[in-house]
Every structure is written in C-alpha cells, then in structure tokens.
Amino acid sequence: MKDRMEQTAEQTIPIRHFEINEIEMPLRHTFETSFGVTKGRRVLIISAVDADGNVGFGECTAMEQPFYNHESVDAAREVLIRTVFPLLSNSSLISAADVSGILGPIKGNRMAIAAVENAIWDLEAKRVGLPLWKHLGGIRSSIDCGVSIGIQKSVEELIDCVAAEVEAGYQRIKIKIKPGHDIRLVEAVRKQFPEIVLSVDANAAYVLQDDLCLMKELDRYDLLMIEQPLEAGDLIDHAKLQGQLATPLCLDESIASFRDARQAIELGSCRIINIKLGRVGGHNEARRIQELAVTNEIPVWCGGMLEAGIGRAHNIAMSTLAGFTLPGDISASHRYWEQDIIEPSITVSPGGTITAPSKPGIGFEVNADILRSTASSKFSVHSA
C-alpha cells in the first residue's frame, strides 16, 4: 500500500475549477432511524475539472440537519466555498494523495472534505486510465452486499421488508433499532428468518447505565454485530459494554479518523469497524483505517448514508480494498431512487454482489441533464 500511495502522490492535476451542484433526491420510501425520518436528500455534487476538460465527481453525504453528526448540507457548502477551495487554490500541488494534507488545517467537516477529495480521486483515475478501485489498490473485482432497513410502522411491515430483501439476494440484513423498538423486532425477525446473517444498528440511541440488560438480551439472537449502540465518541463505555457481550460491537459514528480507530482498537471498544467515506474524510483516511484494521485483524465494511449514485460508486471502489470482508450497505439504486444520477444505475446480482466497473474513474456516467436542471455555482482553482 505504501508504494501505491507514493506512486499516486506523483500525480499532479492541473485543476481548472470546481463546481457545486445541489440536487433534490426524493426517496421512494421514507427511511427512519433513531435520530429521525428522512423523506428525501439535498445532495451536493462536486465536480473537479482539469485543464483538458476531464471531470471527476464527488458527493457530499451530509444530511440536511446536523442530527447524524455536526455537519449539514448548508454548512458543508459554506466550508467548501470559504475554506476548502481557497486552500486548494493556494496549493502548488494538487493530487488525490495530497488533498488530505492540504486540507489538514480544517478541523472536523469531514464530509465537505471527502466530497472534494473523492472528486479528485475520480479525476485522477480517469487521467491515468484506470478504474478508481484499481487506482486505490483494490484487490477484488466484485463486492458482497448487505442492506439496511429503517424502522417500520409495524412488526408485520418489517417482516415483509426483510422477506423482500432476502428474496433479492442480499447477504446481510441490518435493521435499525431505538429504545422501544428493539428486542421485539429482533425476536420477530430471527424467528421468521433463523438462518439469515442479521445485525442491528442503534445510531447511538442507548446509554450503558440504563440499557446494559437490553444489550445483553440481544446476545440471544445470534447477531453478526450490534452497531453503534452508545453515544458517538464514547469509546470507554463501548469498551465496558463489549467486555460483557459475546456479540461483536461495531463502531460507526465513533470512528471519524485513523486516531479514533486506533484508540477504539487499543481500548477494545469494538470488534468490527464501519468505514464511511464521508464520515472519515475521503479515500485517503479510509485507506489508512482499513490498513490499521487489517494489521489488527479487525473486519471492516462500508456503511451507507443514503447516497445517490456518485457516492455509491465511490463506496464500491473503497469496498474492493483488503480488509472489507463483511457485506456493506451498498444496495441497488432502485431501492431508494426512482431515478439515480448515474447511468447505468447500480444493480445487485441475485447472489448479492456488485461487480466493480471496468471503465476509468468511478466507472459510471453522470446524468448531465439532472445537473443542468439545477442551479450551479462555479469556483476557479488555478494550478501553480
């Protein structure tokens, strides 16, 4: 991996300008988690354009409101315009491997950073004529897929949803839980589907002192993992909880950087890590975390943020790296969108896999009509 990163660092891209396009993406079905209900997404699409007219694309995964983490769509836009683009414009070198260092002075705001870094990775891969997954150092040409199911109105509706996704071939089923909507749901799903690979995701909804007995009860249901049961960043209490459970804990919101991952592993706060490109700041940091996880024999997988097609394409590329041994939340486009922003839309095989694309860059064409139908802001970034 070091040789690959050193080789990548030699690539210098004469970036002419960036563009931000905001698009509205209504969901086919509402998606409920412990922190709220999502009916649609306002998505920032970042385009990085070089002097030859090549375009790389990235997607900002921030939510409309700062309920998943501190970022929001509007805040990310401001950080991009006022801080990210000026820092890049004042840099003498811009390459995919350089971006995280150039933007290092920015505290937090990882989703804004990831959007532009990933766009530059896509652009760089296109310039060297490689699929992004190969440019990143991926080792597999197809990835295993799981699916995430939001909180439903009734147990019966949840069972119907799970049945549909099992029939579609997904290799792992994840259901969202929150206080008052947990044990009864898990028990019903496990009773109906005793053989499926099942996990739960709490999105930081529980408190160790109040909910230890409930967490221990989840041990009865042969779960692959319990994802982020406690508050984000609470590595100590997660370590205490993991020490009392047979089921592996997986950290999501708690892992925003390589440092977070290292401390979580050293403390024993989890046995699995969910890597989200937006949350950790892009491909550079994601690769560092997966390398650390491989060294420590910690399985990783790719989590989802209700991405449109550009974000999903980047997730596919990341998931081909070593260490991504568990099915990720990269499901088919049609599960969420009537019309995705990429062509062709992402599909999942009957066996629950996605084939990594063979075309350069992210491997999908971006629908220009959708971008043209939205208000666009353009910012110039001149290479030295």
Protein backbone atom coordinates (compact mmCIF):
# COMPACT_ATOMS: atom_id res chain seq x y z
CA MET A 1 0.00 0.00 0.00
CA LYS A 2 2.85 2.41 0.74
CA ASP A 3 4.28 2.00 -2.76
CA ARG A 4 0.83 2.62 -4.22
CA MET A 5 0.39 5.82 -2.18
CA GLU A 6 3.88 7.07 -3.10
CA GLN A 7 3.16 6.39 -6.77
CA THR A 8 -0.18 8.20 -6.53
CA ALA A 9 1.45 11.19 -4.85
CA GLU A 10 3.49 11.77 -8.01
CA GLN A 11 0.32 12.56 -9.97
CA THR A 12 -0.19 16.33 -10.31
CA ILE A 13 -3.50 17.50 -11.71
CA PRO A 14 -3.88 20.91 -13.40
CA ILE A 15 -7.31 21.62 -11.95
CA ARG A 16 -9.08 24.43 -13.77
CA HIS A 17 -12.08 24.79 -11.49
CA PHE A 18 -14.57 23.10 -9.18
CA GLU A 19 -18.34 23.17 -9.47
CA ILE A 20 -21.02 22.61 -6.85
CA ASN A 21 -24.44 21.41 -7.98
CA GLU A 22 -27.20 20.85 -5.44
CA ILE A 23 -29.85 18.34 -6.46
CA GLU A 24 -33.07 17.19 -4.81
CA MET A 25 -33.40 13.42 -4.50
CA PRO A 26 -36.79 12.27 -3.14
CA LEU A 27 -36.67 8.79 -1.62
CA ARG A 28 -39.03 6.13 -2.92
CA HIS A 29 -39.87 5.29 0.70
CA THR A 30 -39.25 7.16 3.94
CA PHE A 31 -36.29 5.92 5.96
CA GLU A 32 -36.49 6.06 9.77
CA THR A 33 -33.60 5.75 12.23
CA SER A 34 -33.23 6.56 15.91
CA PHE A 35 -32.40 10.19 15.04
CA GLY A 36 -35.22 10.95 12.63
CA VAL A 37 -37.18 10.28 9.45
CA THR A 38 -35.74 11.02 6.00
CA LYS A 39 -38.06 11.56 3.03
CA GLY A 40 -35.52 12.91 0.57
CA ARG A 41 -31.99 14.21 0.22
CA ARG A 42 -30.50 17.53 -0.74
CA VAL A 43 -27.23 16.36 -2.29
CA LEU A 44 -24.18 18.44 -3.13
CA ILE A 45 -22.37 17.11 -6.19
CA ILE A 46 -18.77 18.31 -6.54
CA SER A 47 -17.14 18.37 -9.98
CA ALA A 48 -13.36 18.76 -10.34
CA VAL A 49 -12.44 19.81 -13.88
CA ASP A 50 -8.89 19.70 -15.25
CA ALA A 51 -7.31 21.80 -17.99
CA ASP A 52 -8.17 19.15 -20.60
CA GLY A 53 -11.87 19.13 -19.70
CA ASN A 54 -11.81 15.84 -17.79
CA VAL A 55 -14.27 15.81 -14.90
CA GLY A 56 -14.13 13.96 -11.59
CA PHE A 57 -17.18 13.68 -9.34
CA GLY A 58 -17.69 13.51 -5.59
CA GLU A 59 -20.81 13.56 -3.44
CA CYS A 60 -21.25 15.24 -0.06
CA THR A 61 -23.07 12.86 2.28
CA ALA A 62 -24.04 15.45 4.91
CA MET A 63 -27.67 15.39 5.98
CA GLU A 64 -29.96 18.41 5.76
CA GLN A 65 -29.89 18.79 9.54
CA PRO A 66 -26.95 18.06 11.91
CA PHE A 67 -28.56 15.02 13.53
CA TYR A 68 -26.18 12.25 12.38
CA ASN A 69 -23.13 14.39 13.17
CA HIS A 70 -22.33 18.10 13.35
CA GLU A 71 -22.36 18.61 9.58
CA SER A 72 -25.26 19.72 7.40
CA VAL A 73 -25.70 20.40 3.69
CA ASP A 74 -25.68 24.17 4.14
CA ALA A 75 -22.67 24.15 6.45
CA ALA A 76 -20.74 21.90 4.07
CA ARG A 77 -21.44 24.27 1.18
CA GLU A 78 -20.07 27.20 3.16
CA VAL A 79 -16.96 25.31 4.22
CA LEU A 80 -16.31 24.28 0.62
CA ILE A 81 -16.68 27.81 -0.72
CA ARG A 82 -14.96 29.74 2.06
CA THR A 83 -12.22 27.32 3.13
CA VAL A 84 -11.71 24.17 1.06
CA PHE A 85 -11.49 25.75 -2.39
CA PRO A 86 -9.25 28.64 -1.27
CA LEU A 87 -6.82 26.21 0.40
CA LEU A 88 -6.64 24.12 -2.76
CA SER A 89 -6.26 27.18 -4.98
CA ASN A 90 -3.24 28.32 -2.96
CA SER A 91 -1.51 24.93 -3.21
CA SER A 92 1.25 24.38 -5.72
CA LEU A 93 0.44 20.67 -5.94
CA ILE A 94 -2.98 19.09 -6.19
CA SER A 95 -3.20 15.33 -6.44
CA ALA A 96 -5.54 12.87 -4.84
CA ALA A 97 -2.95 11.75 -2.30
CA ASP A 98 -2.08 15.36 -1.45
CA VAL A 99 -5.58 16.60 -0.67
CA SER A 100 -5.89 15.42 2.93
CA GLY A 101 -2.57 17.10 3.78
CA ILE A 102 -3.52 20.36 2.06
CA LEU A 103 -6.84 20.43 3.90
CA GLY A 104 -5.31 19.26 7.19
CA PRO A 105 -5.73 22.66 8.93
CA ILE A 106 -9.53 22.27 8.75
CA LYS A 107 -10.98 20.87 11.97
CA GLY A 108 -13.84 18.42 11.52
CA ASN A 109 -16.06 18.99 8.46
CA ARG A 110 -15.01 15.60 7.12
CA MET A 111 -17.97 15.24 4.75
CA ALA A 112 -17.16 18.50 2.98
CA ILE A 113 -13.53 17.45 2.66
CA ALA A 114 -14.44 13.96 1.44
CA ALA A 115 -16.67 15.34 -1.31
CA VAL A 116 -13.86 17.28 -2.98
CA GLU A 117 -11.13 14.72 -2.25
CA ASN A 118 -13.19 11.93 -3.78
CA ALA A 119 -13.87 14.07 -6.86
CA ILE A 120 -10.11 14.49 -7.29
CA TRP A 121 -9.58 10.73 -6.89
CA ASP A 122 -12.13 10.13 -9.65
CA LEU A 123 -10.49 12.73 -11.88
CA GLU A 124 -7.02 11.33 -11.26
CA ALA A 125 -8.13 7.77 -12.05
CA LYS A 126 -9.66 8.98 -15.32
CA ARG A 127 -6.44 10.79 -16.23
CA VAL A 128 -4.35 7.64 -15.76
CA GLY A 129 -6.98 5.47 -17.47
CA LEU A 130 -7.75 3.18 -14.53
CA PRO A 131 -10.96 2.20 -12.77
CA LEU A 132 -10.96 4.01 -9.44
CA TRP A 133 -10.99 0.76 -7.49
CA LYS A 134 -7.77 -0.36 -9.15
CA HIS A 135 -6.21 3.10 -8.73
CA LEU A 136 -6.92 2.88 -4.99
CA GLY A 137 -5.29 -0.56 -4.77
CA GLY A 138 -8.41 -2.71 -4.64
CA ILE A 139 -7.92 -6.47 -4.73
CA ARG A 140 -11.35 -7.82 -5.71
CA SER A 141 -13.49 -7.24 -8.79
CA SER A 142 -16.81 -7.79 -7.04
CA ILE A 143 -18.12 -6.95 -3.59
CA ASP A 144 -20.64 -8.56 -1.24
CA CYS A 145 -23.74 -6.53 -0.46
CA GLY A 146 -25.95 -6.16 2.57
CA VAL A 147 -28.96 -3.96 3.06
CA SER A 148 -30.14 -1.56 5.77
CA ILE A 149 -33.84 -1.48 6.68
CA GLY A 150 -35.25 1.52 8.51
CA ILE A 151 -37.68 1.37 11.42
CA GLN A 152 -41.09 0.29 10.11
CA LYS A 153 -44.60 1.12 11.33
CA SER A 154 -45.24 -2.43 12.50
CA VAL A 155 -43.51 -5.76 13.01
CA GLU A 156 -45.51 -7.17 10.12
CA GLU A 157 -44.21 -4.49 7.75
CA LEU A 158 -40.66 -5.14 8.93
CA ILE A 159 -41.03 -8.87 8.25
CA ASP A 160 -42.32 -8.10 4.76
CA CYS A 161 -39.33 -5.81 4.10
CA VAL A 162 -36.85 -8.40 5.31
CA ALA A 163 -38.52 -11.10 3.19
CA ALA A 164 -38.21 -8.92 0.08
CA GLU A 165 -34.52 -8.23 0.67
CA VAL A 166 -33.73 -11.87 1.40
CA GLU A 167 -35.52 -12.78 -1.82
CA ALA A 168 -33.43 -10.15 -3.65
CA GLY A 169 -30.28 -11.98 -2.54
CA TYR A 170 -28.70 -9.56 -0.06
CA GLN A 171 -26.10 -11.36 2.01
CA ARG A 172 -26.65 -9.46 5.26
CA ILE A 173 -29.80 -7.84 6.66
CA LYS A 174 -29.43 -4.89 9.03
CA ILE A 175 -32.41 -3.44 10.89
CA LYS A 176 -32.48 -0.11 12.65
CA ILE A 177 -33.43 -0.09 16.32
CA LYS A 178 -34.12 2.50 19.01
CA PRO A 179 -35.50 2.41 22.56
CA GLY A 180 -38.96 0.90 22.47
CA HIS A 181 -38.31 -0.59 19.04
CA ASP A 182 -35.65 -3.20 19.61
CA ILE A 183 -35.96 -6.63 21.24
CA ARG A 184 -39.46 -7.30 19.88
CA LEU A 185 -38.29 -6.52 16.34
CA VAL A 186 -35.14 -8.61 16.56
CA GLU A 187 -37.00 -11.54 18.08
CA ALA A 188 -39.64 -11.47 15.34
CA VAL A 189 -37.11 -11.28 12.51
CA ARG A 190 -34.91 -14.01 13.93
CA LYS A 191 -37.91 -16.29 14.49
CA GLN A 192 -39.08 -15.81 10.91
CA PHE A 193 -35.58 -15.99 9.39
CA PRO A 194 -33.44 -18.23 11.63
CA GLU A 195 -30.62 -18.66 9.08
CA ILE A 196 -30.00 -15.16 7.74
CA VAL A 197 -26.96 -13.03 8.62
CA LEU A 198 -28.59 -10.37 10.80
CA SER A 199 -27.30 -7.23 12.51
CA VAL A 200 -28.82 -4.24 14.27
CA ASP A 201 -27.93 -0.55 14.18
CA ALA A 202 -28.83 1.78 17.05
CA ASN A 203 -27.24 5.00 15.75
CA ALA A 204 -26.06 5.90 19.26
CA ALA A 205 -29.53 5.69 20.85
CA TYR A 206 -28.70 3.86 24.10
CA VAL A 207 -26.97 4.59 27.41
CA LEU A 208 -24.77 2.00 29.11
CA GLN A 209 -26.06 2.61 32.63
CA ASP A 210 -29.70 2.32 31.57
CA ASP A 211 -29.59 -0.26 28.81
CA LEU A 212 -26.97 -2.86 29.73
CA CYS A 213 -29.58 -5.55 30.35
CA LEU A 214 -31.20 -4.89 26.99
CA MET A 215 -27.83 -5.13 25.24
CA LYS A 216 -27.14 -8.43 26.97
CA GLU A 217 -30.52 -9.72 25.84
CA LEU A 218 -29.51 -9.06 22.22
CA ASP A 219 -26.81 -11.68 22.71
CA ARG A 220 -29.56 -14.32 22.43
CA TYR A 221 -30.25 -13.68 18.75
CA ASP A 222 -27.03 -14.73 17.02
CA LEU A 223 -26.33 -11.29 15.57
CA LEU A 224 -23.37 -10.52 13.32
CA MET A 225 -22.94 -7.24 15.20
CA ILE A 226 -24.57 -4.51 17.26
CA GLU A 227 -23.71 -1.26 15.52
CA GLN A 228 -23.02 1.95 17.48
CA PRO A 229 -25.26 1.30 20.49
CA LEU A 230 -23.88 4.18 22.60
CA GLU A 231 -23.07 7.84 22.06
CA ALA A 232 -20.58 8.75 19.34
CA GLY A 233 -17.05 9.09 20.70
CA ASP A 234 -17.80 7.21 23.93
CA LEU A 235 -15.02 4.67 23.48
CA ILE A 236 -14.69 3.90 27.19
CA ASP A 237 -18.31 2.85 27.70
CA HIS A 238 -18.26 0.89 24.45
CA ALA A 239 -15.21 -0.97 25.77
CA LYS A 240 -17.05 -1.72 29.02
CA LEU A 241 -20.06 -2.95 27.06
CA GLN A 242 -18.04 -5.07 24.64
CA GLY A 243 -16.39 -6.78 27.60
CA GLN A 244 -19.79 -8.03 28.74
CA LEU A 245 -21.14 -9.20 25.37
CA ALA A 246 -20.48 -12.18 23.14
CA THR A 247 -21.86 -10.27 20.13
CA PRO A 248 -19.28 -8.03 18.44
CA LEU A 249 -19.84 -4.31 18.69
CA CYS A 250 -19.30 -2.31 15.52
CA LEU A 251 -18.46 1.39 15.69
CA ASP A 252 -19.82 3.86 13.14
CA GLU A 253 -20.31 7.44 14.39
CA SER A 254 -17.41 6.98 16.82
CA ILE A 255 -14.86 6.47 14.01
CA ALA A 256 -14.18 9.79 12.27
CA SER A 257 -10.43 9.32 11.80
CA PHE A 258 -7.46 6.96 11.94
CA ARG A 259 -6.84 8.15 15.50
CA ASP A 260 -10.36 7.20 16.56
CA ALA A 261 -9.92 3.75 15.03
CA ARG A 262 -6.55 3.20 16.70
CA GLN A 263 -7.88 4.21 20.12
CA ALA A 264 -11.02 2.08 19.73
CA ILE A 265 -8.93 -0.97 18.84
CA GLU A 266 -6.48 -0.41 21.70
CA LEU A 267 -9.29 0.07 24.21
CA GLY A 268 -11.24 -2.95 22.96
CA SER A 269 -14.26 -0.77 22.19
CA CYS A 270 -15.31 -2.85 19.21
CA ARG A 271 -14.51 -5.95 17.16
CA ILE A 272 -15.75 -4.56 13.82
CA ILE A 273 -15.46 -1.13 12.18
CA ASN A 274 -17.86 0.53 9.76
CA ILE A 275 -15.98 2.87 7.40
CA LYS A 276 -18.00 5.62 5.74
CA LEU A 277 -16.12 7.73 3.21
CA GLY A 278 -17.87 10.94 4.16
CA ARG A 279 -17.53 10.46 7.88
CA VAL A 280 -13.77 9.84 7.77
CA GLY A 281 -12.94 12.50 5.17
CA GLY A 282 -12.40 10.55 1.95
CA HIS A 283 -10.36 7.75 0.43
CA ASN A 284 -7.03 8.72 1.97
CA GLU A 285 -8.21 8.33 5.56
CA ALA A 286 -10.37 5.33 4.69
CA ARG A 287 -7.30 3.52 3.35
CA ARG A 288 -5.32 4.31 6.50
CA ILE A 289 -8.12 2.93 8.69
CA GLN A 290 -8.51 -0.25 6.64
CA GLU A 291 -4.75 -0.85 6.76
CA LEU A 292 -4.82 -0.46 10.55
CA ALA A 293 -7.78 -2.82 10.78
CA VAL A 294 -6.08 -5.45 8.62
CA THR A 295 -2.98 -5.27 10.83
CA ASN A 296 -5.12 -5.81 13.92
CA GLU A 297 -7.39 -8.45 12.33
CA ILE A 298 -10.46 -6.24 12.70
CA PRO A 299 -13.05 -6.76 9.92
CA VAL A 300 -14.31 -3.61 8.21
CA TRP A 301 -17.23 -2.89 5.93
CA CYS A 302 -18.68 0.07 4.05
CA GLY A 303 -21.58 1.88 5.69
CA GLY A 304 -24.17 3.88 3.79
CA MET A 305 -25.54 7.42 4.10
CA LEU A 306 -28.45 7.13 1.64
CA GLU A 307 -26.04 8.11 -1.11
CA ALA A 308 -27.03 8.86 -4.67
CA GLY A 309 -25.14 7.06 -7.42
CA ILE A 310 -21.88 9.01 -7.27
CA GLY A 311 -21.47 8.29 -3.58
CA ARG A 312 -22.39 4.64 -4.12
CA ALA A 313 -19.84 4.36 -6.92
CA HIS A 314 -17.10 5.64 -4.59
CA ASN A 315 -18.29 3.17 -1.94
CA ILE A 316 -17.96 0.30 -4.42
CA ALA A 317 -14.38 1.32 -5.18
CA MET A 318 -13.47 1.54 -1.48
CA SER A 319 -15.05 -1.83 -0.72
CA THR A 320 -12.64 -3.64 -3.06
CA LEU A 321 -9.75 -2.94 -0.68
CA ALA A 322 -8.25 -5.60 1.55
CA GLY A 323 -9.98 -5.90 4.91
CA PHE A 324 -13.51 -5.23 3.62
CA THR A 325 -14.56 -8.76 4.43
CA LEU A 326 -18.16 -8.15 5.53
CA PRO A 327 -21.09 -7.20 3.26
CA GLY A 328 -21.53 -3.43 3.13
CA ASP A 329 -24.57 -1.16 2.86
CA ILE A 330 -24.23 -0.74 -0.91
CA SER A 331 -27.59 -1.75 -2.26
CA ALA A 332 -29.20 -1.24 -5.66
CA SER A 333 -30.13 2.28 -6.78
CA HIS A 334 -33.81 1.36 -7.25
CA ARG A 335 -34.21 0.56 -3.55
CA TYR A 336 -34.03 4.29 -2.82
CA TRP A 337 -34.41 6.35 -6.01
CA GLU A 338 -36.91 6.46 -8.87
CA GLN A 339 -34.09 7.92 -10.98
CA ASP A 340 -30.45 7.88 -9.91
CA ILE A 341 -27.93 10.48 -11.03
CA ILE A 342 -25.68 7.89 -12.70
CA GLU A 343 -26.06 5.65 -15.73
CA PRO A 344 -26.37 2.76 -15.66
CA SER A 345 -27.92 2.58 -12.21
CA ILE A 346 -26.29 0.29 -9.69
CA THR A 347 -27.69 -3.23 -9.63
CA VAL A 348 -27.12 -6.18 -7.32
CA SER A 349 -26.86 -9.73 -8.62
CA PRO A 350 -29.22 -12.49 -7.40
CA GLY A 351 -26.29 -13.70 -5.33
CA GLY A 352 -25.98 -10.38 -3.51
CA THR A 353 -22.89 -8.97 -5.24
CA ILE A 354 -21.93 -5.91 -7.28
CA THR A 355 -19.30 -6.13 -9.99
CA ALA A 356 -16.71 -3.35 -9.84
CA PRO A 357 -16.90 -1.30 -13.07
CA SER A 358 -14.20 -1.60 -15.72
CA LYS A 359 -14.33 1.97 -17.08
CA PRO A 360 -11.85 4.61 -15.82
CA GLY A 361 -12.73 6.56 -12.70
CA ILE A 362 -15.89 5.71 -10.79
CA GLY A 363 -17.00 3.75 -13.88
CA PHE A 364 -20.43 5.30 -14.32
CA GLU A 365 -21.68 8.21 -16.44
CA VAL A 366 -23.24 11.13 -14.58
CA ASN A 367 -26.60 12.24 -15.96
CA ALA A 368 -25.81 15.71 -17.31
CA ASP A 369 -29.50 16.60 -17.70
CA ILE A 370 -30.03 16.30 -13.95
CA LEU A 371 -27.03 18.52 -13.24
CA ARG A 372 -28.07 21.07 -15.87
CA SER A 373 -31.53 21.33 -14.34
CA THR A 374 -30.10 22.57 -11.03
CA ALA A 375 -28.54 25.88 -10.00
CA SER A 376 -24.76 25.68 -10.34
CA SER A 377 -22.01 27.68 -8.63
CA LYS A 378 -18.53 27.60 -10.15
CA PHE A 379 -15.26 28.35 -8.39
CA SER A 380 -11.89 28.64 -10.10
CA VAL A 381 -8.85 26.85 -8.72
CA HIS A 382 -5.66 27.56 -10.66
CA SER A 383 -2.71 25.20 -10.55
CA ALA A 384 0.65 26.80 -9.89
